[in-house]
Amino acid sequence: MIKNTFSILNGIGERLEKRLWRNGILTWDDFINASYLNFISPNKKRLFDEHLSLALRELDDGNAAYFTGTVKRKEHWRFFDIFKGEAACLDIETNGLMPESGGYTTMVGIYDGYDYKCFLRDINLTRDNLKRELSRYKYLITFYGSAFDIPFLNRSMPDLKFDVLHFDICFGSRRLGFKSGLKRLETDLGIERHEAVRGMNGYDAVKLWEYARRGSSEALDLLTIYNKEDTVNLLKIADIIYQRLRSQTGIKEYL
């Protein structure tokens, strides 16, 4: 999808992007190779050619970091098909309070499409461990992570950086008309949870942590399953939301 996207260029919005598609300019290469476009001035065309040529080189080199600062976050979903094999799905659990009121992260789950890793408070949840793990990825997938998970982690671990492409499924799904939280979205999309944690919510996770903190291994196991379901399901949802957002752009009409 990203190579069909021209809205990354300053001065090109969705309307002009669709006009390009209607005129057979479907990819960055098509744009660069077009000698003349009667609705874009030669000077702008030259500047756009330079921008897209650089973007193509960076994309071919797998340099996701280049696009973090050059593409608006709300459009980071467009990179999903390119970087989903190098993505980290992330979800955190907390003790139910905000950091300024004594809140802390109890668990961080990370899923790469193959393996789920759990970082647990007082065991292996440290800044260095998270930093080392996150450095392996070029793309981040969360649900409401840009508003909650990432700011929460940044406040408790200020040196932890998240300067990567970030597909926040919450805001992507809202562009499609969904208004609910993660659990309801899973139901709407036909994604089932492990029966042991079906029907549980964030408040239940807070209670499970409190029981685990008091020594309940069963509560900790259940909390881990809950976090794993939250984290693993992100990739399934991201794929569905990506495909629907792609269809919403109208690009399929021209391919």
C-alpha atoms as a PDB file:
ATOM      1  CA  MET A   1       0.000   0.000   0.000  1.00  0.00           C
ATOM      2  CA  ILE A   2       2.747   2.466   0.852  1.00  0.00           C
ATOM      3  CA  LYS A   3       4.084   2.562  -2.724  1.00  0.00           C
ATOM      4  CA  ASN A   4       0.580   3.543  -3.866  1.00  0.00           C
ATOM      5  CA  THR A   5       0.564   6.393  -1.349  1.00  0.00           C
ATOM      6  CA  PHE A   6       1.244   9.963  -2.472  1.00  0.00           C
ATOM      7  CA  SER A   7      -0.224  11.710   0.550  1.00  0.00           C
ATOM      8  CA  ILE A   8       3.225  11.459   2.151  1.00  0.00           C
ATOM      9  CA  LEU A   9       4.165  14.342  -0.151  1.00  0.00           C
ATOM     10  CA  ASN A  10       3.622  17.831   1.224  1.00  0.00           C
ATOM     11  CA  GLY A  11       0.743  19.316  -0.726  1.00  0.00           C
ATOM     12  CA  ILE A  12      -0.877  16.080  -1.882  1.00  0.00           C
ATOM     13  CA  GLY A  13      -4.038  15.012  -0.093  1.00  0.00           C
ATOM     14  CA  GLU A  14      -6.503  12.195  -0.676  1.00  0.00           C
ATOM     15  CA  ARG A  15      -8.297  13.966  -3.545  1.00  0.00           C
ATOM     16  CA  LEU A  16      -5.127  14.580  -5.539  1.00  0.00           C
ATOM     17  CA  GLU A  17      -3.899  11.093  -4.694  1.00  0.00           C
ATOM     18  CA  LYS A  18      -7.045   9.611  -6.249  1.00  0.00           C
ATOM     19  CA  ARG A  19      -6.624  11.872  -9.273  1.00  0.00           C
ATOM     20  CA  LEU A  20      -3.161  10.422  -9.758  1.00  0.00           C
ATOM     21  CA  TRP A  21      -4.593   6.902  -9.549  1.00  0.00           C
ATOM     22  CA  ARG A  22      -7.291   7.775 -12.087  1.00  0.00           C
ATOM     23  CA  ASN A  23      -4.555   8.947 -14.441  1.00  0.00           C
ATOM     24  CA  GLY A  24      -2.674   5.666 -14.178  1.00  0.00           C
ATOM     25  CA  ILE A  25      -0.081   6.904 -11.662  1.00  0.00           C
ATOM     26  CA  LEU A  26      -0.448   4.031  -9.203  1.00  0.00           C
ATOM     27  CA  THR A  27       3.034   3.725  -7.705  1.00  0.00           C
ATOM     28  CA  TRP A  28       5.994   5.871  -6.802  1.00  0.00           C
ATOM     29  CA  ASP A  29       7.823   4.518  -9.859  1.00  0.00           C
ATOM     30  CA  ASP A  30       4.906   5.530 -12.084  1.00  0.00           C
ATOM     31  CA  PHE A  31       5.107   9.067 -10.717  1.00  0.00           C
ATOM     32  CA  ILE A  32       8.863   9.356 -11.145  1.00  0.00           C
ATOM     33  CA  ASN A  33       8.749   7.943 -14.675  1.00  0.00           C
ATOM     34  CA  ALA A  34       5.957  10.269 -15.802  1.00  0.00           C
ATOM     35  CA  SER A  35       7.607  13.059 -17.788  1.00  0.00           C
ATOM     36  CA  TYR A  36       4.698  15.451 -17.318  1.00  0.00           C
ATOM     37  CA  LEU A  37       1.551  15.767 -15.201  1.00  0.00           C
ATOM     38  CA  ASN A  38      -0.718  18.610 -16.279  1.00  0.00           C
ATOM     39  CA  PHE A  39      -2.136  19.119 -12.775  1.00  0.00           C
ATOM     40  CA  ILE A  40       1.255  19.350 -11.015  1.00  0.00           C
ATOM     41  CA  SER A  41       3.726  22.116 -11.860  1.00  0.00           C
ATOM     42  CA  PRO A  42       7.152  21.087 -13.235  1.00  0.00           C
ATOM     43  CA  ASN A  43       8.929  22.545 -10.199  1.00  0.00           C
ATOM     44  CA  LYS A  44       6.744  20.626  -7.746  1.00  0.00           C
ATOM     45  CA  LYS A  45       7.049  17.505  -9.872  1.00  0.00           C
ATOM     46  CA  ARG A  46      10.828  17.749  -9.663  1.00  0.00           C
ATOM     47  CA  LEU A  47      10.746  18.106  -5.871  1.00  0.00           C
ATOM     48  CA  PHE A  48       8.269  15.238  -5.533  1.00  0.00           C
ATOM     49  CA  ASP A  49      10.460  13.053  -7.758  1.00  0.00           C
ATOM     50  CA  GLU A  50      13.432  13.659  -5.458  1.00  0.00           C
ATOM     51  CA  HIS A  51      11.370  12.892  -2.358  1.00  0.00           C
ATOM     52  CA  LEU A  52       9.942   9.677  -3.802  1.00  0.00           C
ATOM     53  CA  SER A  53      13.313   8.532  -5.151  1.00  0.00           C
ATOM     54  CA  LEU A  54      14.796   8.884  -1.677  1.00  0.00           C
ATOM     55  CA  ALA A  55      11.791   7.137  -0.127  1.00  0.00           C
ATOM     56  CA  LEU A  56      12.178   4.241  -2.558  1.00  0.00           C
ATOM     57  CA  ARG A  57      15.854   3.820  -1.670  1.00  0.00           C
ATOM     58  CA  GLU A  58      15.119   3.883   2.058  1.00  0.00           C
ATOM     59  CA  LEU A  59      12.239   1.425   1.668  1.00  0.00           C
ATOM     60  CA  ASP A  60      14.329  -0.940  -0.454  1.00  0.00           C
ATOM     61  CA  ASP A  61      17.002  -0.782   2.266  1.00  0.00           C
ATOM     62  CA  GLY A  62      14.391  -1.664   4.900  1.00  0.00           C
ATOM     63  CA  ASN A  63      14.983   1.618   6.715  1.00  0.00           C
ATOM     64  CA  ALA A  64      11.711   1.930   8.589  1.00  0.00           C
ATOM     65  CA  ALA A  65      13.177   4.608  10.865  1.00  0.00           C
ATOM     66  CA  TYR A  66      13.373   7.037   7.932  1.00  0.00           C
ATOM     67  CA  PHE A  67       9.598   7.015   7.587  1.00  0.00           C
ATOM     68  CA  THR A  68       8.886   7.447  11.295  1.00  0.00           C
ATOM     69  CA  GLY A  69       9.561  11.152  11.046  1.00  0.00           C
ATOM     70  CA  THR A  70       8.477  11.748   7.460  1.00  0.00           C
ATOM     71  CA  VAL A  71       5.044  10.082   7.426  1.00  0.00           C
ATOM     72  CA  LYS A  72       2.204  11.163   9.723  1.00  0.00           C
ATOM     73  CA  ARG A  73       1.490   8.588  12.424  1.00  0.00           C
ATOM     74  CA  LYS A  74      -2.112   8.167  11.340  1.00  0.00           C
ATOM     75  CA  GLU A  75      -0.766   6.795   8.045  1.00  0.00           C
ATOM     76  CA  HIS A  76       1.700   4.313   9.557  1.00  0.00           C
ATOM     77  CA  TRP A  77      -0.842   1.551   8.940  1.00  0.00           C
ATOM     78  CA  ARG A  78       0.125   1.746   5.254  1.00  0.00           C
ATOM     79  CA  PHE A  79       3.456   0.051   6.021  1.00  0.00           C
ATOM     80  CA  PHE A  80       1.875  -3.045   7.566  1.00  0.00           C
ATOM     81  CA  ASP A  81       2.311  -5.325   4.560  1.00  0.00           C
ATOM     82  CA  ILE A  82       5.962  -4.275   4.216  1.00  0.00           C
ATOM     83  CA  PHE A  83       7.057  -4.626   7.847  1.00  0.00           C
ATOM     84  CA  LYS A  84       4.606  -7.096   9.432  1.00  0.00           C
ATOM     85  CA  GLY A  85       7.366  -9.719   9.446  1.00  0.00           C
ATOM     86  CA  GLU A  86       9.477  -7.398  11.598  1.00  0.00           C
ATOM     87  CA  ALA A  87       6.684  -6.191  13.862  1.00  0.00           C
ATOM     88  CA  ALA A  88       6.233  -6.318  17.621  1.00  0.00           C
ATOM     89  CA  CYS A  89       2.704  -6.555  18.993  1.00  0.00           C
ATOM     90  CA  LEU A  90       2.804  -4.990  22.452  1.00  0.00           C
ATOM     91  CA  ASP A  91       0.367  -4.857  25.342  1.00  0.00           C
ATOM     92  CA  ILE A  92       0.908  -3.931  28.974  1.00  0.00           C
ATOM     93  CA  GLU A  93      -0.863  -4.653  32.249  1.00  0.00           C
ATOM     94  CA  THR A  94      -0.746  -2.291  35.232  1.00  0.00           C
ATOM     95  CA  ASN A  95      -1.803  -2.189  38.861  1.00  0.00           C
ATOM     96  CA  GLY A  96      -4.728   0.049  37.918  1.00  0.00           C
ATOM     97  CA  LEU A  97      -3.213   3.385  38.934  1.00  0.00           C
ATOM     98  CA  MET A  98      -1.471   6.066  36.891  1.00  0.00           C
ATOM     99  CA  PRO A  99       2.294   6.534  37.446  1.00  0.00           C
ATOM    100  CA  GLU A 100       1.853   9.836  39.308  1.00  0.00           C
ATOM    101  CA  SER A 101      -0.473   8.080  41.755  1.00  0.00           C
ATOM    102  CA  GLY A 102       1.671   5.052  42.469  1.00  0.00           C
ATOM    103  CA  GLY A 103       0.873   3.170  39.298  1.00  0.00           C
ATOM    104  CA  TYR A 104       3.346   0.794  37.695  1.00  0.00           C
ATOM    105  CA  THR A 105       3.554  -1.735  34.907  1.00  0.00           C
ATOM    106  CA  THR A 106       3.012  -5.278  36.100  1.00  0.00           C
ATOM    107  CA  MET A 107       3.520  -7.118  32.806  1.00  0.00           C
ATOM    108  CA  VAL A 108       4.554  -6.396  29.218  1.00  0.00           C
ATOM    109  CA  GLY A 109       3.687  -8.851  26.481  1.00  0.00           C
ATOM    110  CA  ILE A 110       5.427  -8.839  23.099  1.00  0.00           C
ATOM    111  CA  TYR A 111       4.492 -11.068  20.176  1.00  0.00           C
ATOM    112  CA  ASP A 112       6.390 -11.204  16.876  1.00  0.00           C
ATOM    113  CA  GLY A 113       4.083 -13.466  14.906  1.00  0.00           C
ATOM    114  CA  TYR A 114       5.802 -16.604  16.146  1.00  0.00           C
ATOM    115  CA  ASP A 115       6.708 -16.268  19.812  1.00  0.00           C
ATOM    116  CA  TYR A 116       5.116 -14.540  22.786  1.00  0.00           C
ATOM    117  CA  LYS A 117       7.434 -13.091  25.416  1.00  0.00           C
ATOM    118  CA  CYS A 118       6.288 -11.986  28.842  1.00  0.00           C
ATOM    119  CA  PHE A 119       8.199  -9.428  30.921  1.00  0.00           C
ATOM    120  CA  LEU A 120       7.064  -9.552  34.536  1.00  0.00           C
ATOM    121  CA  ARG A 121       7.626  -7.013  37.303  1.00  0.00           C
ATOM    122  CA  ASP A 122      10.343  -7.997  39.805  1.00  0.00           C
ATOM    123  CA  ILE A 123      11.504 -10.821  37.522  1.00  0.00           C
ATOM    124  CA  ASN A 124      12.574  -9.682  34.059  1.00  0.00           C
ATOM    125  CA  LEU A 125      10.686  -6.438  33.457  1.00  0.00           C
ATOM    126  CA  THR A 126      13.531  -3.927  33.240  1.00  0.00           C
ATOM    127  CA  ARG A 127      14.309  -1.025  30.956  1.00  0.00           C
ATOM    128  CA  ASP A 128      17.354  -2.795  29.556  1.00  0.00           C
ATOM    129  CA  ASN A 129      15.461  -6.000  28.802  1.00  0.00           C
ATOM    130  CA  LEU A 130      12.659  -4.124  27.054  1.00  0.00           C
ATOM    131  CA  LYS A 131      15.081  -1.904  25.183  1.00  0.00           C
ATOM    132  CA  ARG A 132      17.016  -4.949  23.979  1.00  0.00           C
ATOM    133  CA  GLU A 133      13.858  -6.745  22.882  1.00  0.00           C
ATOM    134  CA  LEU A 134      12.271  -3.750  21.156  1.00  0.00           C
ATOM    135  CA  SER A 135      15.473  -2.991  19.244  1.00  0.00           C
ATOM    136  CA  ARG A 136      14.818  -6.165  17.223  1.00  0.00           C
ATOM    137  CA  TYR A 137      11.741  -4.691  15.537  1.00  0.00           C
ATOM    138  CA  LYS A 138      10.976  -2.074  12.915  1.00  0.00           C
ATOM    139  CA  TYR A 139       7.224  -1.812  13.411  1.00  0.00           C
ATOM    140  CA  LEU A 140       4.979  -1.586  16.466  1.00  0.00           C
ATOM    141  CA  ILE A 141       1.369  -2.762  16.718  1.00  0.00           C
ATOM    142  CA  THR A 142      -0.827  -1.843  19.690  1.00  0.00           C
ATOM    143  CA  PHE A 143      -4.426  -1.146  20.619  1.00  0.00           C
ATOM    144  CA  TYR A 144      -4.676   2.377  22.058  1.00  0.00           C
ATOM    145  CA  GLY A 145      -0.968   2.120  22.736  1.00  0.00           C
ATOM    146  CA  SER A 146      -0.164   5.610  21.499  1.00  0.00           C
ATOM    147  CA  ALA A 147      -2.505   7.032  24.146  1.00  0.00           C
ATOM    148  CA  PHE A 148      -1.936   4.588  27.020  1.00  0.00           C
ATOM    149  CA  ASP A 149       0.688   1.811  26.837  1.00  0.00           C
ATOM    150  CA  ILE A 150       3.534   3.868  25.369  1.00  0.00           C
ATOM    151  CA  PRO A 151       3.025   7.018  27.511  1.00  0.00           C
ATOM    152  CA  PHE A 152       2.672   4.811  30.603  1.00  0.00           C
ATOM    153  CA  LEU A 153       5.945   3.009  29.890  1.00  0.00           C
ATOM    154  CA  ASN A 154       7.688   6.277  29.056  1.00  0.00           C
ATOM    155  CA  ARG A 155       6.679   7.774  32.383  1.00  0.00           C
ATOM    156  CA  SER A 156       7.965   4.794  34.343  1.00  0.00           C
ATOM    157  CA  MET A 157      11.016   4.202  32.125  1.00  0.00           C
ATOM    158  CA  PRO A 158      11.933   7.632  30.704  1.00  0.00           C
ATOM    159  CA  ASP A 159      14.911   6.376  28.683  1.00  0.00           C
ATOM    160  CA  LEU A 160      12.810   3.831  26.780  1.00  0.00           C
ATOM    161  CA  LYS A 161      12.338   4.992  23.185  1.00  0.00           C
ATOM    162  CA  PHE A 162       9.524   4.121  20.792  1.00  0.00           C
ATOM    163  CA  ASP A 163      10.652   6.006  17.688  1.00  0.00           C
ATOM    164  CA  VAL A 164       9.404   3.359  15.241  1.00  0.00           C
ATOM    165  CA  LEU A 165       6.501   3.086  12.826  1.00  0.00           C
ATOM    166  CA  HIS A 166       3.416   2.475  14.949  1.00  0.00           C
ATOM    167  CA  PHE A 167       0.097   0.992  13.827  1.00  0.00           C
ATOM    168  CA  ASP A 168      -2.389   1.778  16.580  1.00  0.00           C
ATOM    169  CA  ILE A 169      -5.321  -0.484  15.743  1.00  0.00           C
ATOM    170  CA  CYS A 170      -7.686   1.483  17.960  1.00  0.00           C
ATOM    171  CA  PHE A 171      -7.507   4.582  15.796  1.00  0.00           C
ATOM    172  CA  GLY A 172      -7.324   2.552  12.602  1.00  0.00           C
ATOM    173  CA  SER A 173     -10.542   0.743  13.504  1.00  0.00           C
ATOM    174  CA  ARG A 174     -12.269   4.022  14.359  1.00  0.00           C
ATOM    175  CA  ARG A 175     -11.615   5.221  10.820  1.00  0.00           C
ATOM    176  CA  LEU A 176     -13.674   2.225   9.739  1.00  0.00           C
ATOM    177  CA  GLY A 177     -16.570   3.049  12.050  1.00  0.00           C
ATOM    178  CA  PHE A 178     -15.747   0.800  15.019  1.00  0.00           C
ATOM    179  CA  LYS A 179     -16.150   2.583  18.349  1.00  0.00           C
ATOM    180  CA  SER A 180     -15.577  -0.192  20.878  1.00  0.00           C
ATOM    181  CA  GLY A 181     -12.637  -1.461  22.889  1.00  0.00           C
ATOM    182  CA  LEU A 182     -10.365  -4.374  22.073  1.00  0.00           C
ATOM    183  CA  LYS A 183     -12.571  -7.166  23.435  1.00  0.00           C
ATOM    184  CA  ARG A 184     -15.671  -6.009  21.566  1.00  0.00           C
ATOM    185  CA  LEU A 185     -13.617  -5.486  18.402  1.00  0.00           C
ATOM    186  CA  GLU A 186     -12.402  -9.081  18.626  1.00  0.00           C
ATOM    187  CA  THR A 187     -16.009 -10.254  18.873  1.00  0.00           C
ATOM    188  CA  ASP A 188     -17.080  -8.062  15.948  1.00  0.00           C
ATOM    189  CA  LEU A 189     -14.269  -9.507  13.834  1.00  0.00           C
ATOM    190  CA  GLY A 190     -14.934 -13.115  14.872  1.00  0.00           C
ATOM    191  CA  ILE A 191     -11.735 -13.576  16.871  1.00  0.00           C
ATOM    192  CA  GLU A 192     -12.098 -15.870  19.883  1.00  0.00           C
ATOM    193  CA  ARG A 193     -10.155 -15.863  23.128  1.00  0.00           C
ATOM    194  CA  HIS A 194      -8.832 -18.693  25.266  1.00  0.00           C
ATOM    195  CA  GLU A 195     -11.801 -19.981  27.260  1.00  0.00           C
ATOM    196  CA  ALA A 196      -9.961 -19.452  30.546  1.00  0.00           C
ATOM    197  CA  VAL A 197      -9.979 -15.661  30.075  1.00  0.00           C
ATOM    198  CA  ARG A 198     -13.054 -15.209  27.900  1.00  0.00           C
ATOM    199  CA  GLY A 199     -15.131 -12.336  29.280  1.00  0.00           C
ATOM    200  CA  MET A 200     -12.323 -10.891  31.392  1.00  0.00           C
ATOM    201  CA  ASN A 201     -11.431  -7.213  31.225  1.00  0.00           C
ATOM    202  CA  GLY A 202      -8.748  -4.804  32.421  1.00  0.00           C
ATOM    203  CA  TYR A 203     -10.201  -4.581  35.917  1.00  0.00           C
ATOM    204  CA  ASP A 204     -10.004  -8.356  36.231  1.00  0.00           C
ATOM    205  CA  ALA A 205      -6.336  -8.154  35.202  1.00  0.00           C
ATOM    206  CA  VAL A 206      -5.681  -5.678  38.007  1.00  0.00           C
ATOM    207  CA  LYS A 207      -7.307  -8.030  40.539  1.00  0.00           C
ATOM    208  CA  LEU A 208      -5.337 -10.998  39.211  1.00  0.00           C
ATOM    209  CA  TRP A 209      -2.099  -9.075  39.726  1.00  0.00           C
ATOM    210  CA  GLU A 210      -3.061  -8.320  43.310  1.00  0.00           C
ATOM    211  CA  TYR A 211      -3.730 -12.020  43.953  1.00  0.00           C
ATOM    212  CA  ALA A 212      -0.465 -12.937  42.224  1.00  0.00           C
ATOM    213  CA  ARG A 213       1.420 -10.383  44.328  1.00  0.00           C
ATOM    214  CA  ARG A 214       0.066 -12.127  47.410  1.00  0.00           C
ATOM    215  CA  GLY A 215       1.458 -15.429  46.199  1.00  0.00           C
ATOM    216  CA  SER A 216      -1.171 -16.993  43.948  1.00  0.00           C
ATOM    217  CA  SER A 217       0.562 -18.832  41.108  1.00  0.00           C
ATOM    218  CA  GLU A 218      -2.828 -19.621  39.564  1.00  0.00           C
ATOM    219  CA  ALA A 219      -3.661 -15.909  39.346  1.00  0.00           C
ATOM    220  CA  LEU A 220      -0.300 -15.208  37.722  1.00  0.00           C
ATOM    221  CA  ASP A 221      -0.828 -17.972  35.171  1.00  0.00           C
ATOM    222  CA  LEU A 222      -4.266 -16.613  34.352  1.00  0.00           C
ATOM    223  CA  LEU A 223      -2.945 -13.059  34.050  1.00  0.00           C
ATOM    224  CA  THR A 224      -0.269 -14.288  31.659  1.00  0.00           C
ATOM    225  CA  ILE A 225      -2.855 -16.037  29.500  1.00  0.00           C
ATOM    226  CA  TYR A 226      -4.961 -12.866  29.501  1.00  0.00           C
ATOM    227  CA  ASN A 227      -2.015 -10.724  28.396  1.00  0.00           C
ATOM    228  CA  LYS A 228      -0.985 -13.268  25.782  1.00  0.00           C
ATOM    229  CA  GLU A 229      -4.468 -13.223  24.261  1.00  0.00           C
ATOM    230  CA  ASP A 230      -4.416  -9.411  24.194  1.00  0.00           C
ATOM    231  CA  THR A 231      -1.017  -9.400  22.523  1.00  0.00           C
ATOM    232  CA  VAL A 232      -1.300 -12.282  20.051  1.00  0.00           C
ATOM    233  CA  ASN A 233      -4.712 -11.178  18.823  1.00  0.00           C
ATOM    234  CA  LEU A 234      -3.286  -7.780  17.861  1.00  0.00           C
ATOM    235  CA  LEU A 235      -1.625  -9.266  14.796  1.00  0.00           C
ATOM    236  CA  LYS A 236      -4.828 -10.943  13.629  1.00  0.00           C
ATOM    237  CA  ILE A 237      -6.771  -7.723  14.066  1.00  0.00           C
ATOM    238  CA  ALA A 238      -4.053  -5.613  12.422  1.00  0.00           C
ATOM    239  CA  ASP A 239      -4.228  -7.755   9.303  1.00  0.00           C
ATOM    240  CA  ILE A 240      -8.017  -7.360   9.052  1.00  0.00           C
ATOM    241  CA  ILE A 241      -7.989  -3.620   9.779  1.00  0.00           C
ATOM    242  CA  TYR A 242      -5.152  -3.070   7.305  1.00  0.00           C
ATOM    243  CA  GLN A 243      -7.052  -4.815   4.518  1.00  0.00           C
ATOM    244  CA  ARG A 244     -10.198  -2.813   5.244  1.00  0.00           C
ATOM    245  CA  LEU A 245      -8.347   0.499   5.443  1.00  0.00           C
ATOM    246  CA  ARG A 246      -6.671  -0.324   2.151  1.00  0.00           C
ATOM    247  CA  SER A 247     -10.041  -1.013   0.550  1.00  0.00           C
ATOM    248  CA  GLN A 248     -11.384   2.237   2.002  1.00  0.00           C
ATOM    249  CA  THR A 249      -8.767   4.253   0.087  1.00  0.00           C
ATOM    250  CA  GLY A 250     -10.269   3.069  -3.204  1.00  0.00           C
ATOM    251  CA  ILE A 251      -6.945   1.890  -4.650  1.00  0.00           C
ATOM    252  CA  LYS A 252      -8.425  -1.487  -5.629  1.00  0.00           C
ATOM    253  CA  GLU A 253     -10.572   0.227  -8.256  1.00  0.00           C
ATOM    254  CA  TYR A 254      -7.451   1.144 -10.222  1.00  0.00           C
ATOM    255  CA  LEU A 255      -5.243  -1.937  -9.847  1.00  0.00           C
END
